[in-house]
Full PDB file with SEQRES, HELIX, SHEET, SSBOND, CRYST1, ORIGX, SCALE, CONECT and MASTER records, all heavy atoms in Angstrom:
SEQRES   1 A   40  VAL ILE MET ALA LEU SER GLY GLY VAL ASP SER THR VAL          
SEQRES   2 A   40  ALA ALA THR LEU ILE HIS LYS ALA ILE GLY ASP ARG LEU          
SEQRES   3 A   40  TYR GLY ILE PHE VAL ASP ASN GLY VAL LEU ARG LYS ASN          
SEQRES   4 A   40  GLU                                                          
HELIX    1 AA1 VAL A    9  ILE A   22  1                                  14    
HELIX    2 AA2 GLY A   23  ARG A   25  5                                   3    
SHEET    1 AA1 2 ILE A   2  LEU A   5  0                                        
SHEET    2 AA1 2 TYR A  27  PHE A  30  1                                        
CRYST1    1.000    1.000    1.000  90.00  90.00  90.00 P 1           1          
ORIGX1      1.000000  0.000000  0.000000        0.00000                         
ORIGX2      0.000000  1.000000  0.000000        0.00000                         
ORIGX3      0.000000  0.000000  1.000000        0.00000                         
SCALE1      1.000000  0.000000  0.000000        0.00000                         
SCALE2      0.000000  1.000000  0.000000        0.00000                         
SCALE3      0.000000  0.000000  1.000000        0.00000                         
ATOM      1  N   VAL A   1       0.857  -1.195   0.000  1.00  0.00           N  
ATOM      2  CA  VAL A   1       0.000   0.000   0.000  1.00  0.00           C  
ATOM      3  C   VAL A   1       0.887   1.237   0.000  1.00  0.00           C  
ATOM      4  O   VAL A   1       1.868   1.310   0.749  1.00  0.00           O  
ATOM      5  CB  VAL A   1      -0.921   0.040   1.252  1.00  0.00           C  
ATOM      6  CG1 VAL A   1      -1.781   1.301   1.256  1.00  0.00           C  
ATOM      7  CG2 VAL A   1      -1.794  -1.205   1.323  1.00  0.00           C  
ATOM      8  N   ILE A   2       0.526   2.201  -0.831  1.00  0.00           N  
ATOM      9  CA  ILE A   2       1.233   3.492  -0.804  1.00  0.00           C  
ATOM     10  C   ILE A   2       0.260   4.551  -0.316  1.00  0.00           C  
ATOM     11  O   ILE A   2      -0.949   4.460  -0.557  1.00  0.00           O  
ATOM     12  CB  ILE A   2       1.821   3.843  -2.187  1.00  0.00           C  
ATOM     13  CG1 ILE A   2       2.869   4.943  -2.039  1.00  0.00           C  
ATOM     14  CG2 ILE A   2       0.744   4.224  -3.198  1.00  0.00           C  
ATOM     15  CD1 ILE A   2       3.919   4.922  -3.111  1.00  0.00           C  
ATOM     16  N   MET A   3       0.770   5.550   0.401  1.00  0.00           N  
ATOM     17  CA  MET A   3      -0.134   6.528   1.010  1.00  0.00           C  
ATOM     18  C   MET A   3       0.547   7.881   1.142  1.00  0.00           C  
ATOM     19  O   MET A   3       1.706   7.975   1.559  1.00  0.00           O  
ATOM     20  CB  MET A   3      -0.561   6.019   2.387  1.00  0.00           C  
ATOM     21  CG  MET A   3      -1.591   6.876   3.068  1.00  0.00           C  
ATOM     22  SD  MET A   3      -2.264   6.024   4.518  1.00  0.00           S  
ATOM     23  CE  MET A   3      -3.494   7.242   5.034  1.00  0.00           C  
ATOM     24  N   ALA A   4      -0.188   8.922   0.775  1.00  0.00           N  
ATOM     25  CA  ALA A   4       0.290  10.289   0.992  1.00  0.00           C  
ATOM     26  C   ALA A   4      -0.078  10.705   2.403  1.00  0.00           C  
ATOM     27  O   ALA A   4      -1.240  10.610   2.797  1.00  0.00           O  
ATOM     28  CB  ALA A   4      -0.368  11.230  -0.020  1.00  0.00           C  
ATOM     29  N   LEU A   5       0.901  11.150   3.159  1.00  0.00           N  
ATOM     30  CA  LEU A   5       0.656  11.600   4.535  1.00  0.00           C  
ATOM     31  C   LEU A   5       0.809  13.112   4.614  1.00  0.00           C  
ATOM     32  O   LEU A   5       1.615  13.708   3.892  1.00  0.00           O  
ATOM     33  CB  LEU A   5       1.626  10.911   5.486  1.00  0.00           C  
ATOM     34  CG  LEU A   5       1.426   9.387   5.585  1.00  0.00           C  
ATOM     35  CD1 LEU A   5       2.557   8.743   6.345  1.00  0.00           C  
ATOM     36  CD2 LEU A   5       0.105   9.075   6.237  1.00  0.00           C  
ATOM     37  N   SER A   6       0.019  13.720   5.502  1.00  0.00           N  
ATOM     38  CA  SER A   6       0.015  15.181   5.583  1.00  0.00           C  
ATOM     39  C   SER A   6       0.441  15.697   6.944  1.00  0.00           C  
ATOM     40  O   SER A   6       0.637  16.899   7.120  1.00  0.00           O  
ATOM     41  CB  SER A   6      -1.401  15.692   5.297  1.00  0.00           C  
ATOM     42  OG  SER A   6      -2.280  15.280   6.337  1.00  0.00           O  
ATOM     43  N   GLY A   7       0.547  14.796   7.927  1.00  0.00           N  
ATOM     44  CA  GLY A   7       0.793  15.247   9.297  1.00  0.00           C  
ATOM     45  C   GLY A   7      -0.494  15.505  10.039  1.00  0.00           C  
ATOM     46  O   GLY A   7      -0.492  15.787  11.234  1.00  0.00           O  
ATOM     47  N   GLY A   8      -1.645  15.405   9.332  1.00  0.00           N  
ATOM     48  CA  GLY A   8      -2.941  15.614   9.958  1.00  0.00           C  
ATOM     49  C   GLY A   8      -3.422  14.376  10.702  1.00  0.00           C  
ATOM     50  O   GLY A   8      -2.862  13.282  10.568  1.00  0.00           O  
ATOM     51  N   VAL A   9      -4.482  14.560  11.477  1.00  0.00           N  
ATOM     52  CA  VAL A   9      -5.011  13.481  12.319  1.00  0.00           C  
ATOM     53  C   VAL A   9      -5.498  12.307  11.469  1.00  0.00           C  
ATOM     54  O   VAL A   9      -5.148  11.151  11.729  1.00  0.00           O  
ATOM     55  CB  VAL A   9      -6.173  14.013  13.192  1.00  0.00           C  
ATOM     56  CG1 VAL A   9      -6.800  12.886  14.003  1.00  0.00           C  
ATOM     57  CG2 VAL A   9      -5.693  15.121  14.116  1.00  0.00           C  
ATOM     58  N   ASP A  10      -6.307  12.590  10.438  1.00  0.00           N  
ATOM     59  CA  ASP A  10      -6.953  11.514   9.686  1.00  0.00           C  
ATOM     60  C   ASP A  10      -5.942  10.614   8.981  1.00  0.00           C  
ATOM     61  O   ASP A  10      -5.996   9.391   9.100  1.00  0.00           O  
ATOM     62  CB  ASP A  10      -7.938  12.099   8.656  1.00  0.00           C  
ATOM     63  CG  ASP A  10      -9.015  12.959   9.302  1.00  0.00           C  
ATOM     64  OD1 ASP A  10      -9.274  12.762  10.504  1.00  0.00           O  
ATOM     65  OD2 ASP A  10      -9.577  13.823   8.614  1.00  0.00           O  
ATOM     66  N   SER A  11      -5.011  11.229   8.239  1.00  0.00           N  
ATOM     67  CA  SER A  11      -4.058  10.406   7.486  1.00  0.00           C  
ATOM     68  C   SER A  11      -3.131   9.645   8.434  1.00  0.00           C  
ATOM     69  O   SER A  11      -2.750   8.502   8.162  1.00  0.00           O  
ATOM     70  CB  SER A  11      -3.250  11.255   6.494  1.00  0.00           C  
ATOM     71  OG  SER A  11      -2.370  12.135   7.148  1.00  0.00           O  
ATOM     72  N   THR A  12      -2.790  10.249   9.570  1.00  0.00           N  
ATOM     73  CA  THR A  12      -1.895   9.585  10.527  1.00  0.00           C  
ATOM     74  C   THR A  12      -2.562   8.370  11.162  1.00  0.00           C  
ATOM     75  O   THR A  12      -1.960   7.291  11.272  1.00  0.00           O  
ATOM     76  CB  THR A  12      -1.447  10.569  11.618  1.00  0.00           C  
ATOM     77  OG1 THR A  12      -0.788  11.684  11.001  1.00  0.00           O  
ATOM     78  CG2 THR A  12      -0.509   9.908  12.611  1.00  0.00           C  
ATOM     79  N   VAL A  13      -3.814   8.518  11.587  1.00  0.00           N  
ATOM     80  CA  VAL A  13      -4.526   7.394  12.213  1.00  0.00           C  
ATOM     81  C   VAL A  13      -4.772   6.289  11.183  1.00  0.00           C  
ATOM     82  O   VAL A  13      -4.584   5.102  11.471  1.00  0.00           O  
ATOM     83  CB  VAL A  13      -5.854   7.869  12.856  1.00  0.00           C  
ATOM     84  CG1 VAL A  13      -6.666   6.686  13.375  1.00  0.00           C  
ATOM     85  CG2 VAL A  13      -5.575   8.849  13.996  1.00  0.00           C  
ATOM     86  N   ALA A  14      -5.163   6.688   9.965  1.00  0.00           N  
ATOM     87  CA  ALA A  14      -5.387   5.691   8.907  1.00  0.00           C  
ATOM     88  C   ALA A  14      -4.102   4.911   8.624  1.00  0.00           C  
ATOM     89  O   ALA A  14      -4.115   3.672   8.513  1.00  0.00           O  
ATOM     90  CB  ALA A  14      -5.891   6.377   7.641  1.00  0.00           C  
ATOM     91  N   ALA A  15      -2.990   5.622   8.512  1.00  0.00           N  
ATOM     92  CA  ALA A  15      -1.708   4.972   8.228  1.00  0.00           C  
ATOM     93  C   ALA A  15      -1.309   4.031   9.365  1.00  0.00           C  
ATOM     94  O   ALA A  15      -0.788   2.933   9.125  1.00  0.00           O  
ATOM     95  CB  ALA A  15      -0.625   6.027   8.014  1.00  0.00           C  
ATOM     96  N   THR A  16      -1.552   4.434  10.593  1.00  0.00           N  
ATOM     97  CA  THR A  16      -1.181   3.605  11.748  1.00  0.00           C  
ATOM     98  C   THR A  16      -1.976   2.306  11.759  1.00  0.00           C  
ATOM     99  O   THR A  16      -1.449   1.227  12.069  1.00  0.00           O  
ATOM    100  CB  THR A  16      -1.370   4.388  13.062  1.00  0.00           C  
ATOM    101  OG1 THR A  16      -0.671   5.634  12.976  1.00  0.00           O  
ATOM    102  CG2 THR A  16      -0.844   3.607  14.254  1.00  0.00           C  
ATOM    103  N   LEU A  17      -3.276   2.390  11.411  1.00  0.00           N  
ATOM    104  CA  LEU A  17      -4.104   1.182  11.333  1.00  0.00           C  
ATOM    105  C   LEU A  17      -3.594   0.242  10.235  1.00  0.00           C  
ATOM    106  O   LEU A  17      -3.484  -0.967  10.435  1.00  0.00           O  
ATOM    107  CB  LEU A  17      -5.560   1.558  11.052  1.00  0.00           C  
ATOM    108  CG  LEU A  17      -6.363   2.086  12.248  1.00  0.00           C  
ATOM    109  CD1 LEU A  17      -7.653   2.741  11.770  1.00  0.00           C  
ATOM    110  CD2 LEU A  17      -6.682   0.961  13.235  1.00  0.00           C  
ATOM    111  N   ILE A  18      -3.281   0.810   9.064  1.00  0.00           N  
ATOM    112  CA  ILE A  18      -2.793  -0.002   7.947  1.00  0.00           C  
ATOM    113  C   ILE A  18      -1.446  -0.642   8.321  1.00  0.00           C  
ATOM    114  O   ILE A  18      -1.203  -1.828   8.071  1.00  0.00           O  
ATOM    115  CB  ILE A  18      -2.670   0.828   6.659  1.00  0.00           C  
ATOM    116  CG1 ILE A  18      -4.055   1.327   6.212  1.00  0.00           C  
ATOM    117  CG2 ILE A  18      -2.031   0.016   5.540  1.00  0.00           C  
ATOM    118  CD1 ILE A  18      -4.017   2.378   5.105  1.00  0.00           C  
ATOM    119  N   HIS A  19      -0.579   0.153   8.959  1.00  0.00           N  
ATOM    120  CA  HIS A  19       0.731  -0.355   9.378  1.00  0.00           C  
ATOM    121  C   HIS A  19       0.573  -1.496  10.383  1.00  0.00           C  
ATOM    122  O   HIS A  19       1.312  -2.482  10.350  1.00  0.00           O  
ATOM    123  CB  HIS A  19       1.555   0.781   9.997  1.00  0.00           C  
ATOM    124  CG  HIS A  19       2.913   0.347  10.462  1.00  0.00           C  
ATOM    125  ND1 HIS A  19       3.160  -0.014  11.773  1.00  0.00           N  
ATOM    126  CD2 HIS A  19       4.095   0.185   9.807  1.00  0.00           C  
ATOM    127  CE1 HIS A  19       4.429  -0.355  11.898  1.00  0.00           C  
ATOM    128  NE2 HIS A  19       5.012  -0.253  10.724  1.00  0.00           N  
ATOM    129  N   LYS A  20      -0.407  -1.362  11.263  1.00  0.00           N  
ATOM    130  CA  LYS A  20      -0.651  -2.413  12.261  1.00  0.00           C  
ATOM    131  C   LYS A  20      -1.067  -3.717  11.573  1.00  0.00           C  
ATOM    132  O   LYS A  20      -0.775  -4.807  12.055  1.00  0.00           O  
ATOM    133  CB  LYS A  20      -1.756  -1.939  13.216  1.00  0.00           C  
ATOM    134  CG  LYS A  20      -1.732  -2.579  14.590  1.00  0.00           C  
ATOM    135  CD  LYS A  20      -2.681  -1.844  15.523  1.00  0.00           C  
ATOM    136  CE  LYS A  20      -2.899  -2.574  16.834  1.00  0.00           C  
ATOM    137  NZ  LYS A  20      -1.692  -2.715  17.636  1.00  0.00           N  
ATOM    138  N   ALA A  21      -1.714  -3.570  10.410  1.00  0.00           N  
ATOM    139  CA  ALA A  21      -2.177  -4.757   9.681  1.00  0.00           C  
ATOM    140  C   ALA A  21      -1.084  -5.366   8.813  1.00  0.00           C  
ATOM    141  O   ALA A  21      -0.988  -6.596   8.702  1.00  0.00           O  
ATOM    142  CB  ALA A  21      -3.388  -4.401   8.816  1.00  0.00           C  
ATOM    143  N   ILE A  22      -0.238  -4.531   8.183  1.00  0.00           N  
ATOM    144  CA  ILE A  22       0.710  -5.075   7.178  1.00  0.00           C  
ATOM    145  C   ILE A  22       2.161  -4.659   7.398  1.00  0.00           C  
ATOM    146  O   ILE A  22       3.035  -4.980   6.591  1.00  0.00           O  
ATOM    147  CB  ILE A  22       0.283  -4.683   5.742  1.00  0.00           C  
ATOM    148  CG1 ILE A  22       0.357  -3.156   5.536  1.00  0.00           C  
ATOM    149  CG2 ILE A  22      -1.109  -5.210   5.418  1.00  0.00           C  
ATOM    150  CD1 ILE A  22       0.253  -2.733   4.081  1.00  0.00           C  
ATOM    151  N   GLY A  23       2.438  -3.896   8.458  1.00  0.00           N  
ATOM    152  CA  GLY A  23       3.817  -3.510   8.755  1.00  0.00           C  
ATOM    153  C   GLY A  23       4.416  -2.619   7.678  1.00  0.00           C  
ATOM    154  O   GLY A  23       3.746  -1.737   7.137  1.00  0.00           O  
ATOM    155  N   ASP A  24       5.674  -2.880   7.346  1.00  0.00           N  
ATOM    156  CA  ASP A  24       6.400  -1.996   6.426  1.00  0.00           C  
ATOM    157  C   ASP A  24       6.035  -2.181   4.955  1.00  0.00           C  
ATOM    158  O   ASP A  24       6.663  -1.587   4.079  1.00  0.00           O  
ATOM    159  CB  ASP A  24       7.921  -2.180   6.610  1.00  0.00           C  
ATOM    160  CG  ASP A  24       8.415  -1.485   7.870  1.00  0.00           C  
ATOM    161  OD1 ASP A  24       7.605  -0.753   8.475  1.00  0.00           O  
ATOM    162  OD2 ASP A  24       9.576  -1.678   8.255  1.00  0.00           O  
ATOM    163  N   ARG A  25       4.999  -2.981   4.684  1.00  0.00           N  
ATOM    164  CA  ARG A  25       4.467  -3.010   3.308  1.00  0.00           C  
ATOM    165  C   ARG A  25       3.596  -1.792   3.034  1.00  0.00           C  
ATOM    166  O   ARG A  25       3.068  -1.616   1.948  1.00  0.00           O  
ATOM    167  CB  ARG A  25       3.697  -4.313   3.056  1.00  0.00           C  
ATOM    168  CG  ARG A  25       4.622  -5.497   2.809  1.00  0.00           C  
ATOM    169  CD  ARG A  25       3.874  -6.759   2.436  1.00  0.00           C  
ATOM    170  NE  ARG A  25       3.136  -7.324   3.549  1.00  0.00           N  
ATOM    171  CZ  ARG A  25       1.814  -7.490   3.572  1.00  0.00           C  
ATOM    172  NH1 ARG A  25       1.081  -7.144   2.538  1.00  0.00           N  
ATOM    173  NH2 ARG A  25       1.227  -8.022   4.621  1.00  0.00           N  
ATOM    174  N   LEU A  26       3.416  -0.944   4.050  1.00  0.00           N  
ATOM    175  CA  LEU A  26       2.829   0.385   3.837  1.00  0.00           C  
ATOM    176  C   LEU A  26       3.972   1.361   3.594  1.00  0.00           C  
ATOM    177  O   LEU A  26       4.889   1.488   4.415  1.00  0.00           O  
ATOM    178  CB  LEU A  26       2.033   0.848   5.064  1.00  0.00           C  
ATOM    179  CG  LEU A  26       1.616   2.321   5.036  1.00  0.00           C  
ATOM    180  CD1 LEU A  26       0.596   2.595   3.937  1.00  0.00           C  
ATOM    181  CD2 LEU A  26       1.073   2.785   6.383  1.00  0.00           C  
ATOM    182  N   TYR A  27       3.926   2.049   2.448  1.00  0.00           N  
ATOM    183  CA  TYR A  27       4.947   3.035   2.096  1.00  0.00           C  
ATOM    184  C   TYR A  27       4.310   4.423   2.158  1.00  0.00           C  
ATOM    185  O   TYR A  27       3.491   4.771   1.317  1.00  0.00           O  
ATOM    186  CB  TYR A  27       5.490   2.761   0.686  1.00  0.00           C  
ATOM    187  CG  TYR A  27       6.256   1.467   0.585  1.00  0.00           C  
ATOM    188  CD1 TYR A  27       5.580   0.255   0.427  1.00  0.00           C  
ATOM    189  CD2 TYR A  27       7.642   1.443   0.669  1.00  0.00           C  
ATOM    190  CE1 TYR A  27       6.274  -0.944   0.345  1.00  0.00           C  
ATOM    191  CE2 TYR A  27       8.346   0.251   0.584  1.00  0.00           C  
ATOM    192  CZ  TYR A  27       7.655  -0.937   0.433  1.00  0.00           C  
ATOM    193  OH  TYR A  27       8.346  -2.120   0.362  1.00  0.00           O  
ATOM    194  N   GLY A  28       4.681   5.184   3.186  1.00  0.00           N  
ATOM    195  CA  GLY A  28       4.157   6.537   3.330  1.00  0.00           C  
ATOM    196  C   GLY A  28       5.059   7.561   2.659  1.00  0.00           C  
ATOM    197  O   GLY A  28       6.287   7.420   2.670  1.00  0.00           O  
ATOM    198  N   ILE A  29       4.431   8.576   2.072  1.00  0.00           N  
ATOM    199  CA  ILE A  29       5.186   9.661   1.444  1.00  0.00           C  
ATOM    200  C   ILE A  29       4.682  10.981   2.006  1.00  0.00           C  
ATOM    201  O   ILE A  29       3.486  11.280   1.957  1.00  0.00           O  
ATOM    202  CB  ILE A  29       5.027   9.630  -0.096  1.00  0.00           C  
ATOM    203  CG1 ILE A  29       5.661   8.356  -0.662  1.00  0.00           C  
ATOM    204  CG2 ILE A  29       5.648  10.862  -0.734  1.00  0.00           C  
ATOM    205  CD1 ILE A  29       5.404   8.133  -2.135  1.00  0.00           C  
ATOM    206  N   PHE A  30       5.608  11.763   2.567  1.00  0.00           N  
ATOM    207  CA  PHE A  30       5.270  13.065   3.157  1.00  0.00           C  
ATOM    208  C   PHE A  30       6.049  14.130   2.404  1.00  0.00           C  
ATOM    209  O   PHE A  30       7.280  14.150   2.428  1.00  0.00           O  
ATOM    210  CB  PHE A  30       5.614  13.057   4.646  1.00  0.00           C  
ATOM    211  CG  PHE A  30       5.312  14.350   5.358  1.00  0.00           C  
ATOM    212  CD1 PHE A  30       4.163  15.080   5.099  1.00  0.00           C  
ATOM    213  CD2 PHE A  30       6.189  14.836   6.320  1.00  0.00           C  
ATOM    214  CE1 PHE A  30       3.879  16.262   5.761  1.00  0.00           C  
ATOM    215  CE2 PHE A  30       5.924  16.025   7.003  1.00  0.00           C  
ATOM    216  CZ  PHE A  30       4.760  16.730   6.712  1.00  0.00           C  
ATOM    217  N   VAL A  31       5.318  14.992   1.699  1.00  0.00           N  
ATOM    218  CA  VAL A  31       5.934  15.980   0.809  1.00  0.00           C  
ATOM    219  C   VAL A  31       5.995  17.345   1.483  1.00  0.00           C  
ATOM    220  O   VAL A  31       4.973  17.855   1.970  1.00  0.00           O  
ATOM    221  CB  VAL A  31       5.132  16.091  -0.516  1.00  0.00           C  
ATOM    222  CG1 VAL A  31       5.736  17.156  -1.426  1.00  0.00           C  
ATOM    223  CG2 VAL A  31       5.085  14.743  -1.225  1.00  0.00           C  
ATOM    224  N   ASP A  32       7.169  17.949   1.496  1.00  0.00           N  
ATOM    225  CA  ASP A  32       7.304  19.342   1.942  1.00  0.00           C  
ATOM    226  C   ASP A  32       7.054  20.235   0.727  1.00  0.00           C  
ATOM    227  O   ASP A  32       7.906  20.362  -0.158  1.00  0.00           O  
ATOM    228  CB  ASP A  32       8.698  19.600   2.509  1.00  0.00           C  
ATOM    229  CG  ASP A  32       8.834  20.998   3.111  1.00  0.00           C  
ATOM    230  OD1 ASP A  32       7.892  21.817   2.932  1.00  0.00           O  
ATOM    231  OD2 ASP A  32       9.863  21.283   3.750  1.00  0.00           O  
ATOM    232  N   ASN A  33       5.874  20.836   0.691  1.00  0.00           N  
ATOM    233  CA  ASN A  33       5.491  21.677  -0.455  1.00  0.00           C  
ATOM    234  C   ASN A  33       5.889  23.145  -0.277  1.00  0.00           C  
ATOM    235  O   ASN A  33       5.482  24.011  -1.050  1.00  0.00           O  
ATOM    236  CB  ASN A  33       3.979  21.567  -0.717  1.00  0.00           C  
ATOM    237  CG  ASN A  33       3.162  21.959   0.512  1.00  0.00           C  
ATOM    238  OD1 ASN A  33       3.689  22.538   1.461  1.00  0.00           O  
ATOM    239  ND2 ASN A  33       1.875  21.639   0.497  1.00  0.00           N  
ATOM    240  N   GLY A  34       6.654  23.412   0.781  1.00  0.00           N  
ATOM    241  CA  GLY A  34       7.134  24.779   0.984  1.00  0.00           C  
ATOM    242  C   GLY A  34       6.174  25.678   1.726  1.00  0.00           C  
ATOM    243  O   GLY A  34       6.532  26.802   2.077  1.00  0.00           O  
ATOM    244  N   VAL A  35       4.932  25.205   1.951  1.00  0.00           N  
ATOM    245  CA  VAL A  35       3.951  26.056   2.640  1.00  0.00           C  
ATOM    246  C   VAL A  35       3.393  25.344   3.879  1.00  0.00           C  
ATOM    247  O   VAL A  35       2.232  25.525   4.260  1.00  0.00           O  
ATOM    248  CB  VAL A  35       2.812  26.502   1.680  1.00  0.00           C  
ATOM    249  CG1 VAL A  35       3.298  27.599   0.757  1.00  0.00           C  
ATOM    250  CG2 VAL A  35       2.266  25.347   0.856  1.00  0.00           C  
ATOM    251  N   LEU A  36       4.232  24.517   4.503  1.00  0.00           N  
ATOM    252  CA  LEU A  36       3.894  23.930   5.794  1.00  0.00           C  
ATOM    253  C   LEU A  36       4.184  24.951   6.898  1.00  0.00           C  
ATOM    254  O   LEU A  36       4.780  26.000   6.659  1.00  0.00           O  
ATOM    255  CB  LEU A  36       4.732  22.672   6.035  1.00  0.00           C  
ATOM    256  CG  LEU A  36       4.559  21.532   5.026  1.00  0.00           C  
ATOM    257  CD1 LEU A  36       5.558  20.410   5.322  1.00  0.00           C  
ATOM    258  CD2 LEU A  36       3.138  20.995   5.047  1.00  0.00           C  
ATOM    259  N   ARG A  37       3.775  24.625   8.119  1.00  0.00           N  
ATOM    260  CA  ARG A  37       4.076  25.510   9.246  1.00  0.00           C  
ATOM    261  C   ARG A  37       5.556  25.396   9.632  1.00  0.00           C  
ATOM    262  O   ARG A  37       6.256  24.483   9.178  1.00  0.00           O  
ATOM    263  CB  ARG A  37       3.163  25.158  10.423  1.00  0.00           C  
ATOM    264  CG  ARG A  37       1.727  25.599  10.193  1.00  0.00           C  
ATOM    265  CD  ARG A  37       0.744  24.984  11.162  1.00  0.00           C  
ATOM    266  NE  ARG A  37       0.455  23.595  10.833  1.00  0.00           N  
ATOM    267  CZ  ARG A  37      -0.649  22.954  11.217  1.00  0.00           C  
ATOM    268  NH1 ARG A  37      -1.560  23.599  11.935  1.00  0.00           N  
ATOM    269  NH2 ARG A  37      -0.849  21.696  10.902  1.00  0.00           N  
ATOM    270  N   LYS A  38       6.011  26.309  10.468  1.00  0.00           N  
ATOM    271  CA  LYS A  38       7.426  26.370  10.842  1.00  0.00           C  
ATOM    272  C   LYS A  38       7.881  25.049  11.479  1.00  0.00           C  
ATOM    273  O   LYS A  38       7.246  24.540  12.403  1.00  0.00           O  
ATOM    274  CB  LYS A  38       7.659  27.521  11.820  1.00  0.00           C  
ATOM    275  CG  LYS A  38       9.123  27.727  12.162  1.00  0.00           C  
ATOM    276  CD  LYS A  38       9.340  28.983  12.992  1.00  0.00           C  
ATOM    277  CE  LYS A  38      10.825  29.205  13.256  1.00  0.00           C  
ATOM    278  NZ  LYS A  38      11.071  30.466  13.989  1.00  0.00           N  
ATOM    279  N   ASN A  39       8.979  24.521  10.955  1.00  0.00           N  
ATOM    280  CA  ASN A  39       9.604  23.276  11.455  1.00  0.00           C  
ATOM    281  C   ASN A  39       8.705  22.042  11.334  1.00  0.00           C  
ATOM    282  O   ASN A  39       9.033  20.970  11.854  1.00  0.00           O  
ATOM    283  CB  ASN A  39      10.034  23.414  12.934  1.00  0.00           C  
ATOM    284  CG  ASN A  39      11.010  24.556  13.133  1.00  0.00           C  
ATOM    285  OD1 ASN A  39      11.819  24.843  12.252  1.00  0.00           O  
ATOM    286  ND2 ASN A  39      10.927  25.224  14.269  1.00  0.00           N  
ATOM    287  N   GLU A  40       7.556  22.177  10.661  1.00  0.00           N  
ATOM    288  CA  GLU A  40       6.576  21.095  10.644  1.00  0.00           C  
ATOM    289  C   GLU A  40       7.101  19.850   9.926  1.00  0.00           C  
ATOM    290  O   GLU A  40       6.846  18.722  10.362  1.00  0.00           O  
ATOM    291  CB  GLU A  40       5.286  21.574   9.963  1.00  0.00           C  
ATOM    292  CG  GLU A  40       4.180  20.534   9.937  1.00  0.00           C  
ATOM    293  CD  GLU A  40       2.864  21.099   9.426  1.00  0.00           C  
ATOM    294  OE1 GLU A  40       2.869  22.121   8.714  1.00  0.00           O  
ATOM    295  OE2 GLU A  40       1.825  20.501   9.743  1.00  0.00           O  
TER     296      GLU A  40                                                      
MASTER        0    0    0    2    2    0    0    6  295    1    0    4          
END                                                                             
């Protein structure tokens, strides 16, 4: 499974559930688009 993560509650909880089911066969991608909050 591949998944775009945002740092938000929904994507984080969803990813954690998927990871609990399949471990590192979940590949998360978190993109710094330049308009995140400071140090986020």
